[in-house]
Amino acid sequence: WSNFGIDLALGSVIDRAATPYEHLFLPIYVYEQMKHTTLNG
């Protein structure tokens, strides 16, 4: 019901490809991205 309800409520604006940075709205992507992030090289 959660997936069906979300698809019912959310519009076509979310059917565009998210930029790599925009993937970070999900915690698991933040976690994975930190493995590929540098500070001072």
ModelCIF file with pLDDT and N, C-alpha, C, O atoms, coordinates in Angstrom:
data_MODEL
#
_entry.id   MODEL 
#
_entity.id                         1 
_entity.type                       polymer 
_entity.pdbx_number_of_molecules   1 
#
_entity_poly.entity_id                      1 
_entity_poly.type                           'polypeptide(L)' 
_entity_poly.nstd_linkage                   no 
_entity_poly.nstd_monomer                   no 
_entity_poly.pdbx_seq_one_letter_code       WSNFGIDLALGSVIDRAATPYEHLFLPIYVYEQMKHTTLNG 
_entity_poly.pdbx_seq_one_letter_code_can   WSNFGIDLALGSVIDRAATPYEHLFLPIYVYEQMKHTTLNG 
_entity_poly.pdbx_strand_id                 A 
#
loop_
_entity_poly_seq.entity_id 
_entity_poly_seq.num 
_entity_poly_seq.mon_id 
_entity_poly_seq.hetero 
1 1  TRP n 
1 2  SER n 
1 3  ASN n 
1 4  PHE n 
1 5  GLY n 
1 6  ILE n 
1 7  ASP n 
1 8  LEU n 
1 9  ALA n 
1 10 LEU n 
1 11 GLY n 
1 12 SER n 
1 13 VAL n 
1 14 ILE n 
1 15 ASP n 
1 16 ARG n 
1 17 ALA n 
1 18 ALA n 
1 19 THR n 
1 20 PRO n 
1 21 TYR n 
1 22 GLU n 
1 23 HIS n 
1 24 LEU n 
1 25 PHE n 
1 26 LEU n 
1 27 PRO n 
1 28 ILE n 
1 29 TYR n 
1 30 VAL n 
1 31 TYR n 
1 32 GLU n 
1 33 GLN n 
1 34 MET n 
1 35 LYS n 
1 36 HIS n 
1 37 THR n 
1 38 THR n 
1 39 LEU n 
1 40 ASN n 
1 41 GLY n 
#
_struct_asym.id          A 
_struct_asym.entity_id   1 
#
loop_
_ma_qa_metric.id 
_ma_qa_metric.mode 
_ma_qa_metric.name 
_ma_qa_metric.software_group_id 
_ma_qa_metric.type 
1 global pLDDT . pLDDT 
2 local  pLDDT . pLDDT 
#
_ma_qa_metric_global.metric_id      1 
_ma_qa_metric_global.metric_value   96.29 
_ma_qa_metric_global.model_id       1 
_ma_qa_metric_global.ordinal_id     1 
#
loop_
_ma_qa_metric_local.label_asym_id 
_ma_qa_metric_local.label_comp_id 
_ma_qa_metric_local.label_seq_id 
_ma_qa_metric_local.metric_id 
_ma_qa_metric_local.metric_value 
_ma_qa_metric_local.model_id 
_ma_qa_metric_local.ordinal_id 
A TRP 1  2 93.00 1 1  
A SER 2  2 90.00 1 2  
A ASN 3  2 93.00 1 3  
A PHE 4  2 96.00 1 4  
A GLY 5  2 94.00 1 5  
A ILE 6  2 93.00 1 6  
A ASP 7  2 96.00 1 7  
A LEU 8  2 96.00 1 8  
A ALA 9  2 95.00 1 9  
A LEU 10 2 96.00 1 10 
A GLY 11 2 97.00 1 11 
A SER 12 2 97.00 1 12 
A VAL 13 2 96.00 1 13 
A ILE 14 2 96.00 1 14 
A ASP 15 2 97.00 1 15 
A ARG 16 2 96.00 1 16 
A ALA 17 2 96.00 1 17 
A ALA 18 2 97.00 1 18 
A THR 19 2 97.00 1 19 
A PRO 20 2 97.00 1 20 
A TYR 21 2 97.00 1 21 
A GLU 22 2 97.00 1 22 
A HIS 23 2 97.00 1 23 
A LEU 24 2 97.00 1 24 
A PHE 25 2 96.00 1 25 
A LEU 26 2 97.00 1 26 
A PRO 27 2 97.00 1 27 
A ILE 28 2 97.00 1 28 
A TYR 29 2 97.00 1 29 
A VAL 30 2 98.00 1 30 
A TYR 31 2 98.00 1 31 
A GLU 32 2 97.00 1 32 
A GLN 33 2 98.00 1 33 
A MET 34 2 98.00 1 34 
A LYS 35 2 97.00 1 35 
A HIS 36 2 97.00 1 36 
A THR 37 2 98.00 1 37 
A THR 38 2 98.00 1 38 
A LEU 39 2 97.00 1 39 
A ASN 40 2 96.00 1 40 
A GLY 41 2 96.00 1 41 
#
loop_
_atom_site.group_PDB 
_atom_site.id 
_atom_site.type_symbol 
_atom_site.label_atom_id 
_atom_site.label_alt_id 
_atom_site.label_comp_id 
_atom_site.label_asym_id 
_atom_site.label_entity_id 
_atom_site.label_seq_id 
_atom_site.pdbx_PDB_ins_code 
_atom_site.Cartn_x 
_atom_site.Cartn_y 
_atom_site.Cartn_z 
_atom_site.occupancy 
_atom_site.B_iso_or_equiv 
_atom_site.pdbx_formal_charge 
_atom_site.auth_seq_id 
_atom_site.auth_comp_id 
_atom_site.auth_asym_id 
_atom_site.auth_atom_id 
_atom_site.pdbx_PDB_model_num 
ATOM 1   N N  . TRP A 1 1  ? 0.827  -1.205 0.000   1.00 93.00 ? 1  TRP A N  1 
ATOM 2   C CA . TRP A 1 1  ? 0.000  0.000  0.000   1.00 93.00 ? 1  TRP A CA 1 
ATOM 3   C C  . TRP A 1 1  ? 0.860  1.252  0.000   1.00 93.00 ? 1  TRP A C  1 
ATOM 4   O O  . TRP A 1 1  ? 0.484  2.269  -0.582  1.00 93.00 ? 1  TRP A O  1 
ATOM 5   N N  . SER A 1 2  ? 2.027  1.180  0.659   1.00 90.00 ? 2  SER A N  1 
ATOM 6   C CA . SER A 1 2  ? 2.902  2.347  0.713   1.00 90.00 ? 2  SER A CA 1 
ATOM 7   C C  . SER A 1 2  ? 3.409  2.698  -0.682  1.00 90.00 ? 2  SER A C  1 
ATOM 8   O O  . SER A 1 2  ? 3.410  3.868  -1.065  1.00 90.00 ? 2  SER A O  1 
ATOM 9   N N  . ASN A 1 3  ? 3.840  1.696  -1.443  1.00 93.00 ? 3  ASN A N  1 
ATOM 10  C CA . ASN A 1 3  ? 4.336  1.949  -2.788  1.00 93.00 ? 3  ASN A CA 1 
ATOM 11  C C  . ASN A 1 3  ? 3.212  2.421  -3.710  1.00 93.00 ? 3  ASN A C  1 
ATOM 12  O O  . ASN A 1 3  ? 3.395  3.340  -4.508  1.00 93.00 ? 3  ASN A O  1 
ATOM 13  N N  . PHE A 1 4  ? 2.059  1.786  -3.589  1.00 96.00 ? 4  PHE A N  1 
ATOM 14  C CA . PHE A 1 4  ? 0.910  2.175  -4.418  1.00 96.00 ? 4  PHE A CA 1 
ATOM 15  C C  . PHE A 1 4  ? 0.476  3.605  -4.094  1.00 96.00 ? 4  PHE A C  1 
ATOM 16  O O  . PHE A 1 4  ? 0.169  4.388  -4.993  1.00 96.00 ? 4  PHE A O  1 
ATOM 17  N N  . GLY A 1 5  ? 0.455  3.937  -2.798  1.00 94.00 ? 5  GLY A N  1 
ATOM 18  C CA . GLY A 1 5  ? 0.054  5.280  -2.381  1.00 94.00 ? 5  GLY A CA 1 
ATOM 19  C C  . GLY A 1 5  ? 1.041  6.341  -2.830  1.00 94.00 ? 5  GLY A C  1 
ATOM 20  O O  . GLY A 1 5  ? 0.639  7.428  -3.246  1.00 94.00 ? 5  GLY A O  1 
ATOM 21  N N  . ILE A 1 6  ? 2.339  6.034  -2.749  1.00 93.00 ? 6  ILE A N  1 
ATOM 22  C CA . ILE A 1 6  ? 3.365  6.983  -3.185  1.00 93.00 ? 6  ILE A CA 1 
ATOM 23  C C  . ILE A 1 6  ? 3.254  7.240  -4.683  1.00 93.00 ? 6  ILE A C  1 
ATOM 24  O O  . ILE A 1 6  ? 3.339  8.384  -5.130  1.00 93.00 ? 6  ILE A O  1 
ATOM 25  N N  . ASP A 1 7  ? 3.063  6.165  -5.460  1.00 96.00 ? 7  ASP A N  1 
ATOM 26  C CA . ASP A 1 7  ? 2.912  6.336  -6.912  1.00 96.00 ? 7  ASP A CA 1 
ATOM 27  C C  . ASP A 1 7  ? 1.646  7.112  -7.254  1.00 96.00 ? 7  ASP A C  1 
ATOM 28  O O  . ASP A 1 7  ? 1.600  7.813  -8.265  1.00 96.00 ? 7  ASP A O  1 
ATOM 29  N N  . LEU A 1 8  ? 0.634  6.992  -6.430  1.00 96.00 ? 8  LEU A N  1 
ATOM 30  C CA . LEU A 1 8  ? -0.604 7.727  -6.656  1.00 96.00 ? 8  LEU A CA 1 
ATOM 31  C C  . LEU A 1 8  ? -0.421 9.212  -6.339  1.00 96.00 ? 8  LEU A C  1 
ATOM 32  O O  . LEU A 1 8  ? -0.964 10.068 -7.038  1.00 96.00 ? 8  LEU A O  1 
ATOM 33  N N  . ALA A 1 9  ? 0.331  9.514  -5.304  1.00 95.00 ? 9  ALA A N  1 
ATOM 34  C CA . ALA A 1 9  ? 0.454  10.894 -4.821  1.00 95.00 ? 9  ALA A CA 1 
ATOM 35  C C  . ALA A 1 9  ? 1.519  11.706 -5.547  1.00 95.00 ? 9  ALA A C  1 
ATOM 36  O O  . ALA A 1 9  ? 1.392  12.925 -5.654  1.00 95.00 ? 9  ALA A O  1 
ATOM 37  N N  . LEU A 1 10 ? 2.572  11.053 -6.049  1.00 96.00 ? 10 LEU A N  1 
ATOM 38  C CA . LEU A 1 10 ? 3.687  11.785 -6.643  1.00 96.00 ? 10 LEU A CA 1 
ATOM 39  C C  . LEU A 1 10 ? 3.527  11.917 -8.152  1.00 96.00 ? 10 LEU A C  1 
ATOM 40  O O  . LEU A 1 10 ? 3.088  10.988 -8.831  1.00 96.00 ? 10 LEU A O  1 
ATOM 41  N N  . GLY A 1 11 ? 3.891  13.085 -8.659  1.00 97.00 ? 11 GLY A N  1 
ATOM 42  C CA . GLY A 1 11 ? 3.637  13.391 -10.053 1.00 97.00 ? 11 GLY A CA 1 
ATOM 43  C C  . GLY A 1 11 ? 4.777  13.070 -11.003 1.00 97.00 ? 11 GLY A C  1 
ATOM 44  O O  . GLY A 1 11 ? 5.758  12.426 -10.630 1.00 97.00 ? 11 GLY A O  1 
ATOM 45  N N  . SER A 1 12 ? 4.627  13.532 -12.239 1.00 97.00 ? 12 SER A N  1 
ATOM 46  C CA . SER A 1 12 ? 5.590  13.225 -13.294 1.00 97.00 ? 12 SER A CA 1 
ATOM 47  C C  . SER A 1 12 ? 6.934  13.911 -13.067 1.00 97.00 ? 12 SER A C  1 
ATOM 48  O O  . SER A 1 12 ? 7.927  13.545 -13.696 1.00 97.00 ? 12 SER A O  1 
ATOM 49  N N  . VAL A 1 13 ? 6.977  14.899 -12.180 1.00 96.00 ? 13 VAL A N  1 
ATOM 50  C CA . VAL A 1 13 ? 8.229  15.621 -11.936 1.00 96.00 ? 13 VAL A CA 1 
ATOM 51  C C  . VAL A 1 13 ? 9.318  14.712 -11.371 1.00 96.00 ? 13 VAL A C  1 
ATOM 52  O O  . VAL A 1 13 ? 10.502 15.027 -11.490 1.00 96.00 ? 13 VAL A O  1 
ATOM 53  N N  . ILE A 1 14 ? 8.938  13.595 -10.763 1.00 96.00 ? 14 ILE A N  1 
ATOM 54  C CA . ILE A 1 14 ? 9.948  12.695 -10.187 1.00 96.00 ? 14 ILE A CA 1 
ATOM 55  C C  . ILE A 1 14 ? 10.381 11.616 -11.175 1.00 96.00 ? 14 ILE A C  1 
ATOM 56  O O  . ILE A 1 14 ? 11.124 10.704 -10.813 1.00 96.00 ? 14 ILE A O  1 
ATOM 57  N N  . ASP A 1 15 ? 9.918  11.718 -12.422 1.00 97.00 ? 15 ASP A N  1 
ATOM 58  C CA . ASP A 1 15 ? 10.312 10.734 -13.424 1.00 97.00 ? 15 ASP A CA 1 
ATOM 59  C C  . ASP A 1 15 ? 11.469 11.220 -14.292 1.00 97.00 ? 15 ASP A C  1 
ATOM 60  O O  . ASP A 1 15 ? 11.750 10.636 -15.339 1.00 97.00 ? 15 ASP A O  1 
ATOM 61  N N  . ARG A 1 16 ? 12.133 12.275 -13.865 1.00 96.00 ? 16 ARG A N  1 
ATOM 62  C CA . ARG A 1 16 ? 13.368 12.685 -14.531 1.00 96.00 ? 16 ARG A CA 1 
ATOM 63  C C  . ARG A 1 16 ? 14.551 12.046 -13.803 1.00 96.00 ? 16 ARG A C  1 
ATOM 64  O O  . ARG A 1 16 ? 14.464 11.711 -12.622 1.00 96.00 ? 16 ARG A O  1 
ATOM 65  N N  . ALA A 1 17 ? 15.647 11.886 -14.526 1.00 96.00 ? 17 ALA A N  1 
ATOM 66  C CA . ALA A 1 17 ? 16.843 11.300 -13.926 1.00 96.00 ? 17 ALA A CA 1 
ATOM 67  C C  . ALA A 1 17 ? 17.410 12.257 -12.876 1.00 96.00 ? 17 ALA A C  1 
ATOM 68  O O  . ALA A 1 17 ? 17.590 13.445 -13.141 1.00 96.00 ? 17 ALA A O  1 
ATOM 69  N N  . ALA A 1 18 ? 17.684 11.732 -11.697 1.00 97.00 ? 18 ALA A N  1 
ATOM 70  C CA . ALA A 1 18 ? 18.303 12.536 -10.650 1.00 97.00 ? 18 ALA A CA 1 
ATOM 71  C C  . ALA A 1 18 ? 19.784 12.709 -10.970 1.00 97.00 ? 18 ALA A C  1 
ATOM 72  O O  . ALA A 1 18 ? 20.429 11.783 -11.460 1.00 97.00 ? 18 ALA A O  1 
ATOM 73  N N  . THR A 1 19 ? 20.317 13.886 -10.695 1.00 97.00 ? 19 THR A N  1 
ATOM 74  C CA . THR A 1 19 ? 21.756 14.084 -10.862 1.00 97.00 ? 19 THR A CA 1 
ATOM 75  C C  . THR A 1 19 ? 22.485 13.243 -9.816  1.00 97.00 ? 19 THR A C  1 
ATOM 76  O O  . THR A 1 19 ? 21.873 12.841 -8.827  1.00 97.00 ? 19 THR A O  1 
ATOM 77  N N  . PRO A 1 20 ? 23.776 12.968 -10.006 1.00 97.00 ? 20 PRO A N  1 
ATOM 78  C CA . PRO A 1 20 ? 24.506 12.213 -8.986  1.00 97.00 ? 20 PRO A CA 1 
ATOM 79  C C  . PRO A 1 20 ? 24.376 12.824 -7.597  1.00 97.00 ? 20 PRO A C  1 
ATOM 80  O O  . PRO A 1 20 ? 24.227 12.110 -6.606  1.00 97.00 ? 20 PRO A O  1 
ATOM 81  N N  . TYR A 1 21 ? 24.434 14.151 -7.535  1.00 97.00 ? 21 TYR A N  1 
ATOM 82  C CA . TYR A 1 21 ? 24.307 14.813 -6.229  1.00 97.00 ? 21 TYR A CA 1 
ATOM 83  C C  . TYR A 1 21 ? 22.911 14.613 -5.648  1.00 97.00 ? 21 TYR A C  1 
ATOM 84  O O  . TYR A 1 21 ? 22.756 14.442 -4.439  1.00 97.00 ? 21 TYR A O  1 
ATOM 85  N N  . GLU A 1 22 ? 21.894 14.635 -6.511  1.00 97.00 ? 22 GLU A N  1 
ATOM 86  C CA . GLU A 1 22 ? 20.512 14.482 -6.044  1.00 97.00 ? 22 GLU A CA 1 
ATOM 87  C C  . GLU A 1 22 ? 20.223 13.072 -5.536  1.00 97.00 ? 22 GLU A C  1 
ATOM 88  O O  . GLU A 1 22 ? 19.255 12.865 -4.805  1.00 97.00 ? 22 GLU A O  1 
ATOM 89  N N  . HIS A 1 23 ? 21.053 12.101 -5.916  1.00 97.00 ? 23 HIS A N  1 
ATOM 90  C CA . HIS A 1 23 ? 20.896 10.746 -5.372  1.00 97.00 ? 23 HIS A CA 1 
ATOM 91  C C  . HIS A 1 23 ? 21.085 10.742 -3.857  1.00 97.00 ? 23 HIS A C  1 
ATOM 92  O O  . HIS A 1 23 ? 20.674 9.801  -3.178  1.00 97.00 ? 23 HIS A O  1 
ATOM 93  N N  . LEU A 1 24 ? 21.704 11.786 -3.336  1.00 97.00 ? 24 LEU A N  1 
ATOM 94  C CA . LEU A 1 24 ? 22.043 11.816 -1.915  1.00 97.00 ? 24 LEU A CA 1 
ATOM 95  C C  . LEU A 1 24 ? 20.859 12.135 -1.020  1.00 97.00 ? 24 LEU A C  1 
ATOM 96  O O  . LEU A 1 24 ? 21.035 12.357 0.178   1.00 97.00 ? 24 LEU A O  1 
ATOM 97  N N  . PHE A 1 25 ? 19.655 12.163 -1.579  1.00 96.00 ? 25 PHE A N  1 
ATOM 98  C CA . PHE A 1 25 ? 18.494 12.313 -0.691  1.00 96.00 ? 25 PHE A CA 1 
ATOM 99  C C  . PHE A 1 25 ? 18.184 11.004 0.035   1.00 96.00 ? 25 PHE A C  1 
ATOM 100 O O  . PHE A 1 25 ? 17.382 10.977 0.968   1.00 96.00 ? 25 PHE A O  1 
ATOM 101 N N  . LEU A 1 26 ? 18.833 9.915  -0.405  1.00 97.00 ? 26 LEU A N  1 
ATOM 102 C CA . LEU A 1 26 ? 18.691 8.632  0.276   1.00 97.00 ? 26 LEU A CA 1 
ATOM 103 C C  . LEU A 1 26 ? 19.922 8.372  1.135   1.00 97.00 ? 26 LEU A C  1 
ATOM 104 O O  . LEU A 1 26 ? 21.042 8.460  0.632   1.00 97.00 ? 26 LEU A O  1 
ATOM 105 N N  . PRO A 1 27 ? 19.747 8.054  2.409   1.00 97.00 ? 27 PRO A N  1 
ATOM 106 C CA . PRO A 1 27 ? 20.893 7.822  3.304   1.00 97.00 ? 27 PRO A CA 1 
ATOM 107 C C  . PRO A 1 27 ? 21.883 6.792  2.797   1.00 97.00 ? 27 PRO A C  1 
ATOM 108 O O  . PRO A 1 27 ? 23.088 6.959  2.984   1.00 97.00 ? 27 PRO A O  1 
ATOM 109 N N  . ILE A 1 28 ? 21.407 5.723  2.155   1.00 97.00 ? 28 ILE A N  1 
ATOM 110 C CA . ILE A 1 28 ? 22.326 4.683  1.697   1.00 97.00 ? 28 ILE A CA 1 
ATOM 111 C C  . ILE A 1 28 ? 23.259 5.219  0.613   1.00 97.00 ? 28 ILE A C  1 
ATOM 112 O O  . ILE A 1 28 ? 24.391 4.754  0.480   1.00 97.00 ? 28 ILE A O  1 
ATOM 113 N N  . TYR A 1 29 ? 22.783 6.200  -0.163  1.00 97.00 ? 29 TYR A N  1 
ATOM 114 C CA . TYR A 1 29 ? 23.638 6.802  -1.182  1.00 97.00 ? 29 TYR A CA 1 
ATOM 115 C C  . TYR A 1 29 ? 24.650 7.746  -0.556  1.00 97.00 ? 29 TYR A C  1 
ATOM 116 O O  . TYR A 1 29 ? 25.765 7.873  -1.063  1.00 97.00 ? 29 TYR A O  1 
ATOM 117 N N  . VAL A 1 30 ? 24.283 8.415  0.544   1.00 98.00 ? 30 VAL A N  1 
ATOM 118 C CA . VAL A 1 30 ? 25.249 9.235  1.271   1.00 98.00 ? 30 VAL A CA 1 
ATOM 119 C C  . VAL A 1 30 ? 26.353 8.339  1.822   1.00 98.00 ? 30 VAL A C  1 
ATOM 120 O O  . VAL A 1 30 ? 27.537 8.665  1.740   1.00 98.00 ? 30 VAL A O  1 
ATOM 121 N N  . TYR A 1 31 ? 25.943 7.212  2.381   1.00 98.00 ? 31 TYR A N  1 
ATOM 122 C CA . TYR A 1 31 ? 26.898 6.246  2.928   1.00 98.00 ? 31 TYR A CA 1 
ATOM 123 C C  . TYR A 1 31 ? 27.882 5.772  1.853   1.00 98.00 ? 31 TYR A C  1 
ATOM 124 O O  . TYR A 1 31 ? 29.091 5.766  2.081   1.00 98.00 ? 31 TYR A O  1 
ATOM 125 N N  . GLU A 1 32 ? 27.374 5.379  0.695   1.00 97.00 ? 32 GLU A N  1 
ATOM 126 C CA . GLU A 1 32 ? 28.223 4.897  -0.385  1.00 97.00 ? 32 GLU A CA 1 
ATOM 127 C C  . GLU A 1 32 ? 29.083 6.021  -0.955  1.00 97.00 ? 32 GLU A C  1 
ATOM 128 O O  . GLU A 1 32 ? 30.241 5.810  -1.317  1.00 97.00 ? 32 GLU A O  1 
ATOM 129 N N  . GLN A 1 33 ? 28.500 7.222  -1.031  1.00 98.00 ? 33 GLN A N  1 
ATOM 130 C CA . GLN A 1 33 ? 29.254 8.346  -1.607  1.00 98.00 ? 33 GLN A CA 1 
ATOM 131 C C  . GLN A 1 33 ? 30.437 8.734  -0.741  1.00 98.00 ? 33 GLN A C  1 
ATOM 132 O O  . GLN A 1 33 ? 31.480 9.128  -1.265  1.00 98.00 ? 33 GLN A O  1 
ATOM 133 N N  . MET A 1 34 ? 30.298 8.631  0.572   1.00 98.00 ? 34 MET A N  1 
ATOM 134 C CA . MET A 1 34 ? 31.399 8.999  1.466   1.00 98.00 ? 34 MET A CA 1 
ATOM 135 C C  . MET A 1 34 ? 32.627 8.112  1.231   1.00 98.00 ? 34 MET A C  1 
ATOM 136 O O  . MET A 1 34 ? 33.755 8.530  1.494   1.00 98.00 ? 34 MET A O  1 
ATOM 137 N N  . LYS A 1 35 ? 32.410 6.899  0.740   1.00 97.00 ? 35 LYS A N  1 
ATOM 138 C CA . LYS A 1 35 ? 33.532 6.011  0.421   1.00 97.00 ? 35 LYS A CA 1 
ATOM 139 C C  . LYS A 1 35 ? 34.311 6.521  -0.787  1.00 97.00 ? 35 LYS A C  1 
ATOM 140 O O  . LYS A 1 35 ? 35.458 6.135  -1.011  1.00 97.00 ? 35 LYS A O  1 
ATOM 141 N N  . HIS A 1 36 ? 33.670 7.395  -1.562  1.00 97.00 ? 36 HIS A N  1 
ATOM 142 C CA . HIS A 1 36 ? 34.281 7.918  -2.784  1.00 97.00 ? 36 HIS A CA 1 
ATOM 143 C C  . HIS A 1 36 ? 34.385 9.437  -2.710  1.00 97.00 ? 36 HIS A C  1 
ATOM 144 O O  . HIS A 1 36 ? 34.189 10.141 -3.701  1.00 97.00 ? 36 HIS A O  1 
ATOM 145 N N  . THR A 1 37 ? 34.696 9.915  -1.523  1.00 98.00 ? 37 THR A N  1 
ATOM 146 C CA . THR A 1 37 ? 34.834 11.350 -1.291  1.00 98.00 ? 37 THR A CA 1 
ATOM 147 C C  . THR A 1 37 ? 36.207 11.636 -0.703  1.00 98.00 ? 37 THR A C  1 
ATOM 148 O O  . THR A 1 37 ? 36.706 10.881 0.131   1.00 98.00 ? 37 THR A O  1 
ATOM 149 N N  . THR A 1 38 ? 36.803 12.718 -1.140  1.00 98.00 ? 38 THR A N  1 
ATOM 150 C CA . THR A 1 38 ? 38.144 13.056 -0.665  1.00 98.00 ? 38 THR A CA 1 
ATOM 151 C C  . THR A 1 38 ? 38.159 14.404 0.038   1.00 98.00 ? 38 THR A C  1 
ATOM 152 O O  . THR A 1 38 ? 37.313 15.264 -0.206  1.00 98.00 ? 38 THR A O  1 
ATOM 153 N N  . LEU A 1 39 ? 39.128 14.564 0.901   1.00 97.00 ? 39 LEU A N  1 
ATOM 154 C CA . LEU A 1 39 ? 39.399 15.824 1.586   1.00 97.00 ? 39 LEU A CA 1 
ATOM 155 C C  . LEU A 1 39 ? 40.897 16.072 1.452   1.00 97.00 ? 39 LEU A C  1 
ATOM 156 O O  . LEU A 1 39 ? 41.721 15.289 1.924   1.00 97.00 ? 39 LEU A O  1 
ATOM 157 N N  . ASN A 1 40 ? 41.226 17.178 0.798   1.00 96.00 ? 40 ASN A N  1 
ATOM 158 C CA . ASN A 1 40 ? 42.635 17.459 0.491   1.00 96.00 ? 40 ASN A CA 1 
ATOM 159 C C  . ASN A 1 40 ? 43.282 16.323 -0.311  1.00 96.00 ? 40 ASN A C  1 
ATOM 160 O O  . ASN A 1 40 ? 44.462 16.014 -0.145  1.00 96.00 ? 40 ASN A O  1 
ATOM 161 N N  . GLY A 1 41 ? 42.476 15.713 -1.179  1.00 96.00 ? 41 GLY A N  1 
ATOM 162 C CA . GLY A 1 41 ? 42.986 14.671 -2.061  1.00 96.00 ? 41 GLY A CA 1 
ATOM 163 C C  . GLY A 1 41 ? 43.093 13.296 -1.435  1.00 96.00 ? 41 GLY A C  1 
ATOM 164 O O  . GLY A 1 41 ? 43.513 12.347 -2.097  1.00 96.00 ? 41 GLY A O  1 
#
